[in-house]
N, C-alpha and C. Protein backbone atom coordinates (compact mmCIF):
# COMPACT_ATOMS: atom_id res chain seq x y z
N MET A 1 13.25 30.60 18.33
CA MET A 1 13.45 29.23 18.79
C MET A 1 12.33 28.85 19.74
N ALA A 2 11.84 27.66 19.60
CA ALA A 2 10.75 27.23 20.45
C ALA A 2 11.19 27.10 21.89
N ARG A 3 10.35 27.53 22.79
CA ARG A 3 10.65 27.40 24.22
C ARG A 3 10.21 26.06 24.74
N ALA A 4 10.96 25.56 25.71
CA ALA A 4 10.62 24.24 26.26
C ALA A 4 9.30 24.31 27.01
N PRO A 5 8.48 23.23 26.94
CA PRO A 5 7.20 23.21 27.64
C PRO A 5 7.40 23.06 29.13
N PRO A 6 6.34 23.28 29.91
CA PRO A 6 6.45 23.10 31.36
C PRO A 6 6.93 21.71 31.69
N ARG A 7 7.41 21.51 32.92
CA ARG A 7 8.06 20.27 33.29
C ARG A 7 7.12 19.11 33.54
N GLN A 8 5.79 19.37 33.54
CA GLN A 8 4.86 18.27 33.75
C GLN A 8 5.05 17.24 32.67
N GLN A 9 5.15 15.98 33.04
CA GLN A 9 5.36 14.92 32.10
C GLN A 9 4.25 13.91 32.19
N ALA A 10 3.99 13.28 31.09
CA ALA A 10 2.97 12.24 31.06
C ALA A 10 3.28 11.30 29.92
N SER A 11 2.63 10.16 29.91
CA SER A 11 2.88 9.19 28.87
C SER A 11 2.48 9.76 27.52
N ALA A 12 3.25 9.38 26.49
CA ALA A 12 3.02 9.92 25.16
C ALA A 12 1.75 9.35 24.56
N PRO A 13 1.05 10.16 23.75
CA PRO A 13 -0.16 9.65 23.10
C PRO A 13 0.20 8.70 21.98
N THR A 14 -0.63 7.71 21.74
CA THR A 14 -0.43 6.80 20.64
C THR A 14 -1.02 7.41 19.39
N PRO A 15 -0.19 7.63 18.34
CA PRO A 15 -0.74 8.24 17.14
C PRO A 15 -1.88 7.41 16.57
N LYS A 16 -2.92 8.10 16.09
CA LYS A 16 -4.09 7.41 15.57
C LYS A 16 -3.82 6.87 14.18
N ARG A 17 -4.59 5.85 13.81
CA ARG A 17 -4.49 5.28 12.48
C ARG A 17 -5.36 6.01 11.49
N THR A 18 -6.08 7.00 11.93
CA THR A 18 -6.91 7.79 11.03
C THR A 18 -6.78 9.24 11.40
N THR A 19 -6.98 10.14 10.43
CA THR A 19 -6.84 11.57 10.69
C THR A 19 -8.18 12.26 10.85
N LYS A 20 -9.28 11.53 10.77
CA LYS A 20 -10.58 12.16 10.80
C LYS A 20 -11.10 12.29 12.22
N GLY A 21 -11.86 13.38 12.43
CA GLY A 21 -12.57 13.53 13.70
C GLY A 21 -11.73 14.23 14.75
N ALA A 22 -12.42 14.74 15.74
CA ALA A 22 -11.76 15.46 16.81
C ALA A 22 -11.52 14.53 17.97
N ALA A 23 -10.72 15.03 18.92
CA ALA A 23 -10.47 14.25 20.12
C ALA A 23 -11.76 14.09 20.90
N LYS A 24 -11.91 12.97 21.57
CA LYS A 24 -13.14 12.69 22.30
C LYS A 24 -13.27 13.56 23.53
N THR A 25 -14.49 13.91 23.84
CA THR A 25 -14.77 14.67 25.05
C THR A 25 -15.59 13.83 25.98
N THR A 26 -15.73 14.28 27.22
CA THR A 26 -16.51 13.55 28.20
C THR A 26 -17.71 14.38 28.62
N GLY A 27 -18.66 13.76 29.23
CA GLY A 27 -19.86 14.45 29.68
C GLY A 27 -19.59 15.33 30.87
N ARG A 28 -20.55 16.17 31.20
CA ARG A 28 -20.38 17.10 32.32
C ARG A 28 -20.28 16.34 33.63
N GLY A 29 -19.40 16.86 34.46
CA GLY A 29 -19.28 16.28 35.78
C GLY A 29 -18.34 15.08 35.84
N ARG A 30 -17.92 14.62 34.69
CA ARG A 30 -17.02 13.48 34.67
C ARG A 30 -15.59 13.98 34.69
N LYS A 31 -14.82 13.55 35.66
CA LYS A 31 -13.46 14.02 35.80
C LYS A 31 -12.54 13.29 34.82
N ILE A 32 -11.59 14.05 34.28
CA ILE A 32 -10.61 13.49 33.37
C ILE A 32 -9.24 13.55 34.04
N LYS A 33 -8.52 12.46 34.02
CA LYS A 33 -7.20 12.45 34.61
C LYS A 33 -6.27 13.37 33.83
N PRO A 34 -5.32 14.00 34.52
CA PRO A 34 -4.41 14.93 33.84
C PRO A 34 -3.70 14.30 32.65
N GLU A 35 -3.30 13.02 32.77
CA GLU A 35 -2.62 12.35 31.67
C GLU A 35 -3.52 12.24 30.45
N ALA A 36 -4.79 11.89 30.69
CA ALA A 36 -5.74 11.75 29.58
C ALA A 36 -6.03 13.11 28.95
N ARG A 37 -6.11 14.15 29.78
CA ARG A 37 -6.36 15.49 29.26
C ARG A 37 -5.19 15.96 28.40
N ARG A 38 -4.00 15.72 28.87
CA ARG A 38 -2.80 16.11 28.12
C ARG A 38 -2.75 15.36 26.79
N ARG A 39 -3.09 14.08 26.83
CA ARG A 39 -3.11 13.27 25.61
C ARG A 39 -4.14 13.81 24.62
N ALA A 40 -5.31 14.18 25.14
CA ALA A 40 -6.36 14.72 24.28
C ALA A 40 -5.93 16.03 23.63
N ILE A 41 -5.23 16.86 24.38
CA ILE A 41 -4.74 18.13 23.83
C ILE A 41 -3.74 17.89 22.70
N LEU A 42 -2.82 16.95 22.90
CA LEU A 42 -1.82 16.66 21.88
C LEU A 42 -2.46 16.07 20.63
N GLU A 43 -3.43 15.19 20.80
CA GLU A 43 -4.11 14.61 19.65
C GLU A 43 -4.88 15.68 18.89
N ALA A 44 -5.53 16.57 19.62
CA ALA A 44 -6.27 17.67 18.99
C ALA A 44 -5.32 18.62 18.27
N ALA A 45 -4.17 18.88 18.88
CA ALA A 45 -3.19 19.78 18.26
C ALA A 45 -2.69 19.21 16.94
N LEU A 46 -2.41 17.92 16.90
CA LEU A 46 -1.94 17.30 15.67
C LEU A 46 -2.99 17.44 14.56
N ALA A 47 -4.25 17.16 14.90
CA ALA A 47 -5.31 17.29 13.91
C ALA A 47 -5.46 18.74 13.45
N GLU A 48 -5.37 19.67 14.38
CA GLU A 48 -5.54 21.10 14.04
C GLU A 48 -4.39 21.60 13.18
N PHE A 49 -3.16 21.25 13.54
CA PHE A 49 -2.00 21.67 12.75
C PHE A 49 -2.08 21.07 11.35
N ALA A 50 -2.48 19.80 11.26
CA ALA A 50 -2.53 19.12 9.97
C ALA A 50 -3.58 19.75 9.06
N GLU A 51 -4.72 20.14 9.62
CA GLU A 51 -5.81 20.70 8.81
C GLU A 51 -5.57 22.15 8.42
N ARG A 52 -5.04 22.95 9.33
CA ARG A 52 -4.96 24.40 9.12
C ARG A 52 -3.54 24.91 8.87
N GLY A 53 -2.54 24.09 9.18
CA GLY A 53 -1.17 24.58 9.11
C GLY A 53 -0.77 25.23 10.42
N PHE A 54 0.52 25.42 10.60
CA PHE A 54 1.01 25.94 11.87
C PHE A 54 0.55 27.37 12.12
N ALA A 55 0.60 28.22 11.10
CA ALA A 55 0.27 29.63 11.28
C ALA A 55 -1.21 29.83 11.59
N ALA A 56 -2.07 29.13 10.86
CA ALA A 56 -3.51 29.35 11.00
C ALA A 56 -4.11 28.62 12.19
N ALA A 57 -3.43 27.61 12.70
CA ALA A 57 -3.96 26.87 13.85
C ALA A 57 -4.06 27.79 15.06
N ARG A 58 -5.20 27.72 15.77
CA ARG A 58 -5.42 28.56 16.95
C ARG A 58 -5.57 27.69 18.18
N LEU A 59 -5.00 28.16 19.28
CA LEU A 59 -5.10 27.39 20.51
C LEU A 59 -6.55 27.29 20.98
N ASP A 60 -7.37 28.29 20.66
CA ASP A 60 -8.80 28.21 20.99
C ASP A 60 -9.42 26.97 20.35
N ASP A 61 -9.08 26.74 19.08
CA ASP A 61 -9.65 25.61 18.35
C ASP A 61 -9.08 24.28 18.85
N VAL A 62 -7.80 24.29 19.22
CA VAL A 62 -7.21 23.08 19.80
C VAL A 62 -7.93 22.72 21.08
N ALA A 63 -8.17 23.71 21.94
CA ALA A 63 -8.86 23.47 23.20
C ALA A 63 -10.27 22.95 22.96
N CYS A 64 -10.97 23.56 22.01
CA CYS A 64 -12.33 23.13 21.70
C CYS A 64 -12.35 21.69 21.19
N ARG A 65 -11.42 21.36 20.32
CA ARG A 65 -11.33 20.02 19.76
C ARG A 65 -11.00 18.99 20.84
N ALA A 66 -10.19 19.41 21.81
CA ALA A 66 -9.79 18.51 22.88
C ALA A 66 -10.84 18.42 23.98
N GLY A 67 -11.84 19.33 23.95
CA GLY A 67 -12.88 19.32 24.97
C GLY A 67 -12.44 19.91 26.29
N VAL A 68 -11.53 20.90 26.23
CA VAL A 68 -11.06 21.56 27.45
C VAL A 68 -11.17 23.07 27.28
N ALA A 69 -11.14 23.79 28.39
CA ALA A 69 -11.14 25.24 28.33
C ALA A 69 -9.75 25.72 27.89
N LYS A 70 -9.71 26.88 27.24
CA LYS A 70 -8.43 27.40 26.79
C LYS A 70 -7.48 27.63 27.97
N GLY A 71 -8.04 28.06 29.09
CA GLY A 71 -7.22 28.26 30.28
C GLY A 71 -6.59 26.96 30.74
N THR A 72 -7.32 25.86 30.58
CA THR A 72 -6.77 24.56 30.95
C THR A 72 -5.60 24.20 30.06
N LEU A 73 -5.72 24.50 28.78
CA LEU A 73 -4.63 24.20 27.85
C LEU A 73 -3.35 24.92 28.28
N TYR A 74 -3.50 26.17 28.75
CA TYR A 74 -2.32 26.92 29.15
C TYR A 74 -1.69 26.39 30.44
N LEU A 75 -2.39 25.57 31.17
CA LEU A 75 -1.78 24.93 32.33
C LEU A 75 -0.73 23.91 31.91
N TYR A 76 -0.87 23.41 30.69
CA TYR A 76 0.04 22.39 30.18
C TYR A 76 1.09 22.95 29.22
N PHE A 77 0.70 23.94 28.42
CA PHE A 77 1.60 24.46 27.38
C PHE A 77 1.55 25.97 27.36
N GLU A 78 2.73 26.58 27.35
CA GLU A 78 2.83 28.03 27.45
C GLU A 78 2.33 28.75 26.21
N ASP A 79 2.60 28.18 25.03
CA ASP A 79 2.18 28.80 23.78
C ASP A 79 2.15 27.75 22.69
N LYS A 80 1.89 28.19 21.46
CA LYS A 80 1.72 27.25 20.35
C LYS A 80 3.03 26.53 20.02
N GLU A 81 4.15 27.22 20.12
CA GLU A 81 5.43 26.59 19.83
C GLU A 81 5.76 25.52 20.87
N ALA A 82 5.45 25.81 22.12
CA ALA A 82 5.69 24.81 23.17
C ALA A 82 4.82 23.58 22.95
N LEU A 83 3.60 23.81 22.51
CA LEU A 83 2.70 22.70 22.21
C LEU A 83 3.24 21.87 21.05
N PHE A 84 3.73 22.53 20.01
CA PHE A 84 4.28 21.82 18.87
C PHE A 84 5.52 21.03 19.25
N LEU A 85 6.38 21.61 20.08
CA LEU A 85 7.58 20.93 20.53
C LEU A 85 7.23 19.65 21.27
N GLU A 86 6.26 19.73 22.17
CA GLU A 86 5.87 18.55 22.92
C GLU A 86 5.19 17.52 22.03
N LEU A 87 4.50 17.99 21.02
CA LEU A 87 3.86 17.08 20.07
C LEU A 87 4.91 16.24 19.35
N ILE A 88 5.98 16.88 18.91
CA ILE A 88 7.07 16.16 18.26
C ILE A 88 7.71 15.17 19.22
N ARG A 89 8.01 15.64 20.41
CA ARG A 89 8.69 14.77 21.38
C ARG A 89 7.83 13.56 21.75
N SER A 90 6.58 13.80 21.97
CA SER A 90 5.72 12.71 22.44
C SER A 90 5.41 11.71 21.32
N ALA A 91 5.29 12.20 20.08
CA ALA A 91 4.93 11.31 18.98
C ALA A 91 6.13 10.62 18.37
N VAL A 92 7.27 11.30 18.33
CA VAL A 92 8.41 10.79 17.58
C VAL A 92 9.50 10.20 18.47
N SER A 93 9.73 10.76 19.64
CA SER A 93 10.83 10.28 20.48
C SER A 93 10.74 8.79 20.80
N PRO A 94 9.55 8.26 21.15
CA PRO A 94 9.48 6.81 21.40
C PRO A 94 9.88 5.99 20.18
N LEU A 95 9.52 6.47 18.99
CA LEU A 95 9.88 5.77 17.77
C LEU A 95 11.38 5.85 17.52
N MET A 96 11.98 7.01 17.78
CA MET A 96 13.43 7.14 17.63
C MET A 96 14.16 6.23 18.61
N ASP A 97 13.61 6.05 19.78
CA ASP A 97 14.21 5.12 20.74
C ASP A 97 14.19 3.70 20.20
N GLN A 98 13.11 3.33 19.52
CA GLN A 98 13.03 2.01 18.89
C GLN A 98 14.07 1.87 17.79
N PHE A 99 14.23 2.90 16.99
CA PHE A 99 15.24 2.88 15.94
C PHE A 99 16.63 2.69 16.54
N SER A 100 16.89 3.36 17.65
CA SER A 100 18.19 3.25 18.30
C SER A 100 18.46 1.82 18.76
N ARG A 101 17.44 1.19 19.33
CA ARG A 101 17.61 -0.20 19.79
C ARG A 101 17.85 -1.14 18.62
N ILE A 102 17.18 -0.89 17.51
CA ILE A 102 17.37 -1.72 16.32
C ILE A 102 18.80 -1.59 15.81
N ALA A 103 19.28 -0.35 15.69
CA ALA A 103 20.62 -0.11 15.16
C ALA A 103 21.69 -0.71 16.05
N ALA A 104 21.44 -0.77 17.36
CA ALA A 104 22.44 -1.26 18.30
C ALA A 104 22.31 -2.75 18.60
N ALA A 105 21.29 -3.40 18.09
CA ALA A 105 21.05 -4.82 18.40
C ALA A 105 22.20 -5.68 17.86
N PRO A 106 22.93 -6.39 18.73
CA PRO A 106 24.09 -7.17 18.26
C PRO A 106 23.69 -8.39 17.44
N ASP A 107 22.45 -8.86 17.60
CA ASP A 107 22.02 -10.06 16.90
C ASP A 107 21.41 -9.77 15.53
N LEU A 108 21.38 -8.50 15.13
CA LEU A 108 20.84 -8.13 13.82
C LEU A 108 21.97 -7.73 12.89
N SER A 109 21.97 -8.31 11.70
CA SER A 109 22.93 -7.88 10.69
C SER A 109 22.51 -6.50 10.17
N PRO A 110 23.40 -5.80 9.47
CA PRO A 110 23.01 -4.49 8.94
C PRO A 110 21.77 -4.55 8.06
N ILE A 111 21.64 -5.60 7.24
CA ILE A 111 20.49 -5.71 6.37
C ILE A 111 19.23 -6.02 7.18
N GLN A 112 19.34 -6.87 8.18
CA GLN A 112 18.18 -7.14 9.04
C GLN A 112 17.75 -5.88 9.78
N ALA A 113 18.72 -5.10 10.26
CA ALA A 113 18.40 -3.85 10.94
C ALA A 113 17.73 -2.88 9.98
N LEU A 114 18.23 -2.81 8.73
CA LEU A 114 17.66 -1.92 7.74
C LEU A 114 16.23 -2.34 7.40
N ASP A 115 16.01 -3.64 7.22
CA ASP A 115 14.66 -4.13 6.92
C ASP A 115 13.70 -3.85 8.07
N THR A 116 14.18 -4.03 9.29
CA THR A 116 13.34 -3.76 10.47
C THR A 116 13.02 -2.28 10.57
N PHE A 117 14.00 -1.46 10.28
CA PHE A 117 13.80 -0.01 10.30
C PHE A 117 12.77 0.41 9.26
N PHE A 118 12.90 -0.11 8.05
CA PHE A 118 11.95 0.23 6.99
C PHE A 118 10.53 -0.22 7.35
N ALA A 119 10.42 -1.44 7.87
CA ALA A 119 9.09 -1.96 8.24
C ALA A 119 8.46 -1.13 9.34
N LEU A 120 9.28 -0.70 10.30
CA LEU A 120 8.77 0.12 11.40
C LEU A 120 8.31 1.48 10.89
N PHE A 121 9.07 2.06 9.98
CA PHE A 121 8.66 3.35 9.42
C PHE A 121 7.36 3.21 8.65
N GLU A 122 7.23 2.15 7.88
CA GLU A 122 6.03 1.96 7.08
C GLU A 122 4.79 1.80 7.97
N SER A 123 4.93 1.06 9.08
CA SER A 123 3.76 0.81 9.94
C SER A 123 3.50 1.94 10.92
N GLU A 124 4.56 2.53 11.48
CA GLU A 124 4.41 3.49 12.57
C GLU A 124 4.50 4.95 12.15
N VAL A 125 4.84 5.21 10.91
CA VAL A 125 4.81 6.58 10.40
C VAL A 125 3.77 6.68 9.28
N LEU A 126 4.01 5.95 8.19
CA LEU A 126 3.06 6.00 7.08
C LEU A 126 1.69 5.47 7.47
N GLY A 127 1.65 4.54 8.42
CA GLY A 127 0.38 3.94 8.83
C GLY A 127 -0.31 4.66 9.97
N THR A 128 0.24 5.77 10.44
CA THR A 128 -0.35 6.50 11.55
C THR A 128 -0.35 8.00 11.26
N ASP A 129 -0.86 8.76 12.20
CA ASP A 129 -0.88 10.22 12.05
C ASP A 129 0.50 10.86 12.19
N ARG A 130 1.51 10.08 12.52
CA ARG A 130 2.86 10.65 12.56
C ARG A 130 3.26 11.25 11.22
N LYS A 131 2.75 10.68 10.14
CA LYS A 131 3.10 11.20 8.82
C LYS A 131 2.63 12.65 8.66
N LEU A 132 1.61 13.05 9.41
CA LEU A 132 1.12 14.43 9.32
C LEU A 132 2.18 15.42 9.81
N LEU A 133 2.96 15.02 10.80
CA LEU A 133 4.03 15.89 11.28
C LEU A 133 5.08 16.09 10.20
N VAL A 134 5.44 15.00 9.51
CA VAL A 134 6.42 15.12 8.43
C VAL A 134 5.89 16.03 7.34
N ARG A 135 4.62 15.84 6.95
CA ARG A 135 4.02 16.70 5.94
C ARG A 135 4.05 18.17 6.36
N LEU A 136 3.75 18.41 7.63
CA LEU A 136 3.71 19.78 8.13
C LEU A 136 5.08 20.43 8.06
N ILE A 137 6.12 19.70 8.42
CA ILE A 137 7.47 20.24 8.36
C ILE A 137 7.86 20.53 6.92
N ILE A 138 7.54 19.63 6.01
CA ILE A 138 7.87 19.84 4.60
C ILE A 138 7.14 21.06 4.05
N ALA A 139 5.87 21.20 4.41
CA ALA A 139 5.05 22.28 3.87
C ALA A 139 5.37 23.64 4.48
N GLU A 140 5.69 23.68 5.77
CA GLU A 140 5.79 24.98 6.45
C GLU A 140 7.13 25.25 7.12
N GLY A 141 8.05 24.30 7.03
CA GLY A 141 9.34 24.49 7.69
C GLY A 141 10.10 25.71 7.21
N ALA A 142 10.04 25.99 5.90
CA ALA A 142 10.77 27.15 5.37
C ALA A 142 10.16 28.46 5.85
N ARG A 143 8.83 28.49 6.02
CA ARG A 143 8.16 29.72 6.47
C ARG A 143 8.31 29.94 7.97
N PHE A 144 8.47 28.85 8.70
CA PHE A 144 8.59 28.93 10.16
C PHE A 144 9.84 28.18 10.61
N PRO A 145 10.99 28.83 10.52
CA PRO A 145 12.26 28.17 10.85
C PRO A 145 12.27 27.57 12.25
N ALA A 146 11.52 28.13 13.17
CA ALA A 146 11.54 27.62 14.55
C ALA A 146 11.05 26.18 14.61
N ILE A 147 9.97 25.86 13.87
CA ILE A 147 9.48 24.49 13.94
C ILE A 147 10.39 23.55 13.16
N ALA A 148 11.04 24.05 12.10
CA ALA A 148 12.00 23.23 11.36
C ALA A 148 13.20 22.92 12.23
N GLU A 149 13.64 23.90 13.01
CA GLU A 149 14.79 23.69 13.90
C GLU A 149 14.47 22.68 14.98
N VAL A 150 13.26 22.75 15.51
CA VAL A 150 12.85 21.77 16.52
C VAL A 150 12.87 20.37 15.94
N TYR A 151 12.28 20.21 14.76
CA TYR A 151 12.22 18.88 14.15
C TYR A 151 13.62 18.39 13.78
N TYR A 152 14.46 19.28 13.32
CA TYR A 152 15.83 18.91 12.98
C TYR A 152 16.57 18.41 14.22
N ARG A 153 16.42 19.14 15.30
CA ARG A 153 17.13 18.79 16.53
C ARG A 153 16.61 17.49 17.15
N GLU A 154 15.29 17.34 17.19
CA GLU A 154 14.69 16.21 17.88
C GLU A 154 14.64 14.93 17.04
N VAL A 155 14.59 15.08 15.71
CA VAL A 155 14.37 13.91 14.85
C VAL A 155 15.50 13.71 13.85
N VAL A 156 15.76 14.73 13.03
CA VAL A 156 16.67 14.55 11.91
C VAL A 156 18.09 14.21 12.37
N THR A 157 18.62 14.96 13.33
CA THR A 157 19.99 14.69 13.75
C THR A 157 20.14 13.29 14.35
N ARG A 158 19.15 12.87 15.13
CA ARG A 158 19.21 11.52 15.70
C ARG A 158 19.12 10.46 14.61
N GLY A 159 18.21 10.68 13.66
CA GLY A 159 18.04 9.70 12.60
C GLY A 159 19.27 9.58 11.71
N LEU A 160 19.87 10.71 11.35
CA LEU A 160 21.06 10.66 10.51
C LEU A 160 22.23 10.01 11.22
N ARG A 161 22.35 10.27 12.51
CA ARG A 161 23.42 9.64 13.27
C ARG A 161 23.27 8.12 13.29
N LEU A 162 22.04 7.65 13.46
CA LEU A 162 21.79 6.21 13.45
C LEU A 162 22.05 5.61 12.08
N MET A 163 21.60 6.30 11.03
CA MET A 163 21.79 5.78 9.68
C MET A 163 23.25 5.78 9.27
N ARG A 164 24.00 6.78 9.70
CA ARG A 164 25.44 6.81 9.38
C ARG A 164 26.15 5.65 10.06
N GLY A 165 25.82 5.40 11.31
CA GLY A 165 26.43 4.28 12.02
C GLY A 165 26.10 2.95 11.36
N LEU A 166 24.85 2.79 10.93
CA LEU A 166 24.44 1.56 10.25
C LEU A 166 25.15 1.42 8.92
N ALA A 167 25.28 2.53 8.18
CA ALA A 167 25.95 2.49 6.88
C ALA A 167 27.43 2.18 7.02
N GLU A 168 28.07 2.74 8.02
CA GLU A 168 29.49 2.46 8.24
C GLU A 168 29.70 0.99 8.58
N ARG A 169 28.83 0.45 9.39
CA ARG A 169 28.92 -0.97 9.72
C ARG A 169 28.70 -1.84 8.49
N ALA A 170 27.71 -1.47 7.67
CA ALA A 170 27.42 -2.23 6.46
C ALA A 170 28.58 -2.16 5.47
N SER A 171 29.24 -1.03 5.39
CA SER A 171 30.39 -0.89 4.50
C SER A 171 31.56 -1.73 4.99
N ARG A 172 31.81 -1.72 6.30
CA ARG A 172 32.90 -2.52 6.86
C ARG A 172 32.71 -4.00 6.59
N GLU A 173 31.45 -4.44 6.67
CA GLU A 173 31.15 -5.85 6.49
C GLU A 173 30.91 -6.22 5.04
N GLY A 174 31.09 -5.26 4.13
CA GLY A 174 30.93 -5.54 2.72
C GLY A 174 29.50 -5.75 2.27
N VAL A 175 28.55 -5.24 3.05
CA VAL A 175 27.14 -5.42 2.72
C VAL A 175 26.66 -4.39 1.72
N PHE A 176 27.06 -3.13 1.89
CA PHE A 176 26.68 -2.08 0.96
C PHE A 176 27.66 -2.07 -0.21
N ALA A 177 27.15 -1.76 -1.39
CA ALA A 177 27.97 -1.79 -2.60
C ALA A 177 29.04 -0.72 -2.59
N THR A 178 28.76 0.43 -1.99
CA THR A 178 29.74 1.52 -1.92
C THR A 178 29.68 2.15 -0.52
N GLU A 179 30.57 3.11 -0.29
CA GLU A 179 30.58 3.84 0.97
C GLU A 179 29.77 5.14 0.88
N ALA A 180 29.00 5.29 -0.18
CA ALA A 180 28.25 6.54 -0.39
C ALA A 180 27.29 6.83 0.76
N ALA A 181 26.61 5.80 1.24
CA ALA A 181 25.64 6.01 2.32
C ALA A 181 26.31 6.39 3.63
N SER A 182 27.57 6.04 3.80
CA SER A 182 28.31 6.45 5.00
C SER A 182 28.57 7.95 4.96
N ARG A 183 28.84 8.46 3.77
CA ARG A 183 29.09 9.90 3.61
C ARG A 183 27.79 10.68 3.60
N TYR A 184 26.77 10.09 3.01
CA TYR A 184 25.48 10.77 2.90
C TYR A 184 24.37 9.83 3.40
N PRO A 185 24.18 9.74 4.72
CA PRO A 185 23.15 8.85 5.26
C PRO A 185 21.74 9.26 4.84
N GLN A 186 21.60 10.48 4.30
CA GLN A 186 20.30 10.89 3.77
C GLN A 186 19.84 9.95 2.66
N LEU A 187 20.79 9.29 2.00
CA LEU A 187 20.44 8.36 0.93
C LEU A 187 19.57 7.21 1.45
N ILE A 188 19.80 6.80 2.68
CA ILE A 188 19.06 5.67 3.23
C ILE A 188 17.59 6.04 3.44
N VAL A 189 17.34 7.24 3.92
CA VAL A 189 15.97 7.62 4.27
C VAL A 189 15.26 8.36 3.14
N ALA A 190 15.94 8.61 2.03
CA ALA A 190 15.32 9.36 0.93
C ALA A 190 14.00 8.75 0.45
N PRO A 191 13.91 7.43 0.24
CA PRO A 191 12.62 6.88 -0.23
C PRO A 191 11.51 6.98 0.80
N LEU A 192 11.87 7.10 2.07
CA LEU A 192 10.85 7.24 3.11
C LEU A 192 10.17 8.61 2.99
N LEU A 193 10.97 9.63 2.76
CA LEU A 193 10.39 10.96 2.55
C LEU A 193 9.58 11.00 1.26
N LEU A 194 10.09 10.34 0.22
CA LEU A 194 9.35 10.26 -1.02
C LEU A 194 7.98 9.61 -0.79
N ALA A 195 7.96 8.56 0.02
CA ALA A 195 6.70 7.85 0.29
C ALA A 195 5.70 8.76 0.99
N VAL A 196 6.17 9.58 1.93
CA VAL A 196 5.28 10.50 2.64
C VAL A 196 4.72 11.55 1.68
N ILE A 197 5.60 12.11 0.84
CA ILE A 197 5.15 13.13 -0.12
C ILE A 197 4.18 12.53 -1.13
N TRP A 198 4.52 11.36 -1.63
CA TRP A 198 3.66 10.71 -2.62
C TRP A 198 2.29 10.39 -2.03
N ASP A 199 2.29 9.90 -0.80
CA ASP A 199 1.03 9.57 -0.14
C ASP A 199 0.13 10.80 -0.02
N ASN A 200 0.73 11.94 0.20
CA ASN A 200 -0.03 13.17 0.38
C ASN A 200 -0.56 13.72 -0.94
N LEU A 201 0.24 13.63 -1.99
CA LEU A 201 -0.09 14.30 -3.24
C LEU A 201 -0.71 13.41 -4.31
N PHE A 202 -0.22 12.18 -4.43
CA PHE A 202 -0.57 11.39 -5.60
C PHE A 202 -1.23 10.04 -5.31
N ALA A 203 -1.39 9.68 -4.06
CA ALA A 203 -1.88 8.34 -3.73
C ALA A 203 -3.26 8.06 -4.32
N ARG A 204 -4.11 9.07 -4.38
CA ARG A 204 -5.46 8.86 -4.93
C ARG A 204 -5.43 8.55 -6.41
N MET A 205 -4.43 9.07 -7.10
CA MET A 205 -4.31 8.84 -8.53
C MET A 205 -3.47 7.61 -8.86
N HIS A 206 -2.44 7.41 -8.05
CA HIS A 206 -1.51 6.31 -8.32
C HIS A 206 -0.91 5.84 -7.00
N PRO A 207 -1.55 4.91 -6.30
CA PRO A 207 -1.02 4.42 -5.03
C PRO A 207 0.39 3.85 -5.20
N LEU A 208 1.23 4.15 -4.25
CA LEU A 208 2.62 3.70 -4.31
C LEU A 208 2.80 2.40 -3.54
N ASP A 209 3.46 1.45 -4.15
CA ASP A 209 3.82 0.20 -3.46
C ASP A 209 5.05 0.49 -2.62
N VAL A 210 4.83 0.92 -1.38
CA VAL A 210 5.94 1.34 -0.53
C VAL A 210 6.86 0.16 -0.22
N GLY A 211 6.27 -1.00 0.05
CA GLY A 211 7.10 -2.17 0.33
C GLY A 211 8.00 -2.51 -0.84
N GLY A 212 7.45 -2.46 -2.05
CA GLY A 212 8.26 -2.72 -3.24
C GLY A 212 9.34 -1.68 -3.44
N LEU A 213 8.99 -0.41 -3.18
CA LEU A 213 9.97 0.66 -3.30
C LEU A 213 11.14 0.44 -2.34
N LEU A 214 10.84 0.10 -1.10
CA LEU A 214 11.89 -0.08 -0.11
C LEU A 214 12.75 -1.31 -0.42
N HIS A 215 12.12 -2.35 -0.96
CA HIS A 215 12.89 -3.53 -1.37
C HIS A 215 13.85 -3.17 -2.49
N ALA A 216 13.36 -2.39 -3.46
CA ALA A 216 14.22 -1.95 -4.56
C ALA A 216 15.35 -1.06 -4.06
N HIS A 217 15.03 -0.23 -3.09
CA HIS A 217 16.05 0.65 -2.52
C HIS A 217 17.14 -0.15 -1.83
N ARG A 218 16.75 -1.22 -1.14
CA ARG A 218 17.75 -2.08 -0.50
C ARG A 218 18.67 -2.70 -1.55
N GLU A 219 18.10 -3.09 -2.70
CA GLU A 219 18.91 -3.65 -3.77
C GLU A 219 19.92 -2.63 -4.29
N VAL A 220 19.49 -1.36 -4.37
CA VAL A 220 20.41 -0.31 -4.81
C VAL A 220 21.55 -0.15 -3.81
N LEU A 221 21.22 -0.14 -2.53
CA LEU A 221 22.25 0.05 -1.50
C LEU A 221 23.24 -1.11 -1.46
N THR A 222 22.72 -2.31 -1.62
CA THR A 222 23.59 -3.49 -1.50
C THR A 222 24.21 -3.92 -2.82
N GLY A 223 23.65 -3.45 -3.93
CA GLY A 223 24.13 -3.88 -5.23
C GLY A 223 23.76 -5.33 -5.53
N LYS A 224 22.80 -5.87 -4.79
CA LYS A 224 22.45 -7.28 -4.93
C LYS A 224 21.92 -7.61 -6.32
N ALA A 225 21.03 -6.76 -6.84
CA ALA A 225 20.45 -7.05 -8.14
C ALA A 225 21.53 -7.10 -9.21
N ARG A 226 22.50 -6.20 -9.16
CA ARG A 226 23.58 -6.17 -10.14
C ARG A 226 24.46 -7.41 -10.02
N LYS A 227 24.78 -7.80 -8.78
CA LYS A 227 25.67 -8.95 -8.59
C LYS A 227 24.99 -10.25 -8.98
N ASP A 228 23.66 -10.30 -8.84
CA ASP A 228 22.96 -11.56 -9.14
C ASP A 228 22.77 -11.77 -10.64
N ARG A 229 23.01 -10.72 -11.44
CA ARG A 229 22.83 -10.88 -12.88
C ARG A 229 23.98 -11.68 -13.48
N PRO A 230 23.68 -12.46 -14.52
CA PRO A 230 24.75 -13.25 -15.18
C PRO A 230 25.73 -12.33 -15.92
């Protein structure tokens, strides 16, 4: 099980819109604020994990990519698992907080909340380096149960709880065609995982219309297309 990182806290890094290149370094003699250094380490770690995988990634290379000494990296993170845990928390927790606010918003109908959730996932996961974390879990979670457990605890359980609540509300209000999504909230997020996998494997050969896919998925959940037919 991954150990918790040291108690030092700092603002979360903003995931980049591109996966190329290393974290920026500064010239000699120029001081870097601890928050900026921590951010650089996390950005470098994401790039290193994405390129090499969890097992092959080395803290030496993360430090080099971030432009810090390895000893400096250990001032912030005890080991590779602690670094990965903080990477998940810093990159995903703010987004999960947004999802929570959307699901709880009293002025949003279930369908409006679902559409907002889908749009946010498309822009803030598929459109950023956050998708690299999802790819990494899919590719290496079975080989490294510790990182799968961390992601399950920090992301999956929160997401399923939110989706189940949204599905139950939609079923009560007669918005969803069946109660299936209340029993299996994984149904709601299934096309999102498909989009991440497709983007990684097949996008160069056959780009996926994610917006169209999500619109079609909403029709399946609500039964709208079937009801609108003569």
